[in-house]
Amino acid sequence: MNAAPINITETAAQRINALLENAPKGTQGLRLNIKATGCSGNSYKMEYIGAGEDVSADERFESSGAALYIPKTYSWMLFGMSVDYTQDDLGNARFIFTNPNETGRCGCGESFHVERPDKE
């Protein structure tokens, strides 16, 4: 377990734990993944980790009583990120990802990009 380079708010933690309570049988956890998509390049994707699925390529981050798995391949993109959850008066709900590493977003806000820091 790593010291919280990914912050999960209490609201997000409650939602993550509720999702896991109602998850398909054998679910090991939730993974925050990066999906190549959109005009800016990437989007965030939450997904269940199935029974028996290998998590050795993931890092496990805990904050506010909940845990997320993040593929090690993407952890450099997400270091310092905050994960929150919101629901409006009409019942529309979503996770909110505030990532200080984003270097740009598309006009509609659905995709983002991060430039890899130069290796010296």
Protein backbone atom coordinates (compact mmCIF):
# COMPACT_ATOMS: atom_id res chain seq x y z
CA MET A 1 0.00 0.00 0.00
CA ASN A 2 1.31 3.44 -0.92
CA ALA A 3 0.93 6.67 1.03
CA ALA A 4 -1.93 8.59 -0.68
CA PRO A 5 -0.56 10.09 -3.92
CA ILE A 6 -4.14 9.60 -5.10
CA ASN A 7 -6.69 11.37 -2.90
CA ILE A 8 -10.14 9.80 -2.66
CA THR A 9 -12.67 12.12 -1.04
CA GLU A 10 -15.08 10.77 1.55
CA THR A 11 -17.97 11.10 -0.92
CA ALA A 12 -16.06 9.11 -3.55
CA ALA A 13 -15.01 6.54 -0.95
CA GLN A 14 -18.63 6.00 0.05
CA ARG A 15 -19.59 5.46 -3.60
CA ILE A 16 -16.65 3.13 -4.26
CA ASN A 17 -17.55 1.04 -1.22
CA ALA A 18 -21.24 0.97 -2.23
CA LEU A 19 -20.26 -0.19 -5.73
CA LEU A 20 -18.12 -2.95 -4.27
CA GLU A 21 -20.91 -4.08 -1.92
CA ASN A 22 -23.19 -4.54 -4.93
CA ALA A 23 -20.50 -5.78 -7.34
CA PRO A 24 -20.68 -9.10 -9.16
CA LYS A 25 -19.63 -12.07 -7.05
CA GLY A 26 -15.87 -12.48 -6.81
CA THR A 27 -15.04 -8.86 -7.63
CA GLN A 28 -11.63 -7.98 -6.19
CA GLY A 29 -11.89 -4.20 -6.35
CA LEU A 30 -12.21 -1.16 -8.61
CA ARG A 31 -9.62 -0.11 -11.16
CA LEU A 32 -9.18 3.45 -12.38
CA ASN A 33 -7.95 2.98 -15.91
CA ILE A 34 -7.02 5.26 -18.78
CA LYS A 35 -8.73 4.64 -22.11
CA ALA A 36 -7.41 6.04 -25.38
CA THR A 37 -10.31 8.04 -26.80
CA GLY A 38 -11.64 11.42 -27.80
CA CYS A 39 -10.09 14.33 -29.57
CA SER A 40 -7.64 15.02 -26.72
CA GLY A 41 -6.39 11.46 -26.35
CA ASN A 42 -7.49 9.86 -23.06
CA SER A 43 -10.43 9.42 -20.72
CA TYR A 44 -10.82 8.01 -17.23
CA LYS A 45 -12.58 4.68 -16.85
CA MET A 46 -13.71 2.97 -13.65
CA GLU A 47 -14.07 -0.80 -13.93
CA TYR A 48 -14.51 -3.84 -11.73
CA ILE A 49 -11.59 -6.21 -11.26
CA GLY A 50 -12.98 -9.67 -11.80
CA ALA A 51 -12.38 -12.82 -9.81
CA GLY A 52 -8.97 -14.28 -10.52
CA GLU A 53 -7.89 -11.26 -12.58
CA ASP A 54 -4.17 -10.54 -12.22
CA VAL A 55 -3.54 -7.28 -10.34
CA SER A 56 0.26 -7.56 -10.25
CA ALA A 57 0.55 -4.80 -12.89
CA ASP A 58 -1.55 -2.46 -10.70
CA GLU A 59 -0.72 -0.26 -7.74
CA ARG A 60 -3.26 -0.13 -4.91
CA PHE A 61 -4.02 3.28 -3.44
CA GLU A 62 -6.11 3.80 -0.30
CA SER A 63 -7.63 7.02 0.93
CA SER A 64 -10.70 7.88 3.05
CA GLY A 65 -11.47 4.21 3.68
CA ALA A 66 -11.62 3.10 0.03
CA ALA A 67 -9.10 1.64 -2.40
CA LEU A 68 -8.50 2.01 -6.11
CA TYR A 69 -6.20 -0.02 -8.30
CA ILE A 70 -4.32 1.86 -10.99
CA PRO A 71 -2.23 0.22 -13.70
CA LYS A 72 1.43 1.02 -12.98
CA THR A 73 1.74 2.07 -16.61
CA TYR A 74 -0.51 5.07 -15.91
CA SER A 75 0.46 5.97 -12.34
CA TRP A 76 2.85 8.70 -13.53
CA MET A 77 -0.14 10.39 -15.23
CA LEU A 78 -2.30 10.27 -12.12
CA PHE A 79 0.10 11.10 -9.28
CA GLY A 80 -1.44 13.89 -7.19
CA MET A 81 -4.96 13.32 -8.54
CA SER A 82 -8.12 13.74 -6.49
CA VAL A 83 -11.17 11.52 -7.08
CA ASP A 84 -14.54 12.90 -5.98
CA TYR A 85 -18.16 11.91 -6.60
CA THR A 86 -21.18 14.13 -7.16
CA GLN A 87 -24.90 13.79 -7.78
CA ASP A 88 -27.09 16.71 -8.91
CA ASP A 89 -30.75 17.41 -8.09
CA LEU A 90 -31.88 15.49 -11.18
CA GLY A 91 -30.07 12.35 -10.08
CA ASN A 92 -27.19 12.61 -12.54
CA ALA A 93 -24.13 11.16 -10.83
CA ARG A 94 -20.48 10.83 -11.76
CA PHE A 95 -16.96 10.61 -10.49
CA ILE A 96 -14.92 13.79 -10.82
CA PHE A 97 -11.21 13.47 -11.56
CA THR A 98 -9.06 16.49 -10.72
CA ASN A 99 -5.65 15.77 -12.15
CA PRO A 100 -2.85 18.35 -11.80
CA ASN A 101 -0.89 16.52 -14.53
CA GLU A 102 -3.38 17.23 -17.31
CA THR A 103 -1.85 19.52 -19.90
CA GLY A 104 -5.06 19.94 -21.89
CA ARG A 105 -8.68 18.90 -22.41
CA CYS A 106 -10.94 18.74 -25.40
CA GLY A 107 -13.66 21.36 -25.76
CA CYS A 108 -16.42 19.16 -24.32
CA GLY A 109 -14.25 18.09 -21.37
CA GLU A 110 -14.60 14.36 -22.00
CA SER A 111 -10.98 13.64 -22.86
CA PHE A 112 -7.61 14.91 -21.71
CA HIS A 113 -3.92 14.61 -22.40
CA VAL A 114 -0.79 14.55 -20.30
CA GLU A 115 2.69 15.17 -21.63
CA ARG A 116 5.32 12.82 -20.28
CA PRO A 117 7.97 14.70 -18.32
CA ASP A 118 11.38 14.75 -19.99
CA LYS A 119 13.71 12.07 -18.73
CA GLU A 120 17.13 13.41 -17.85
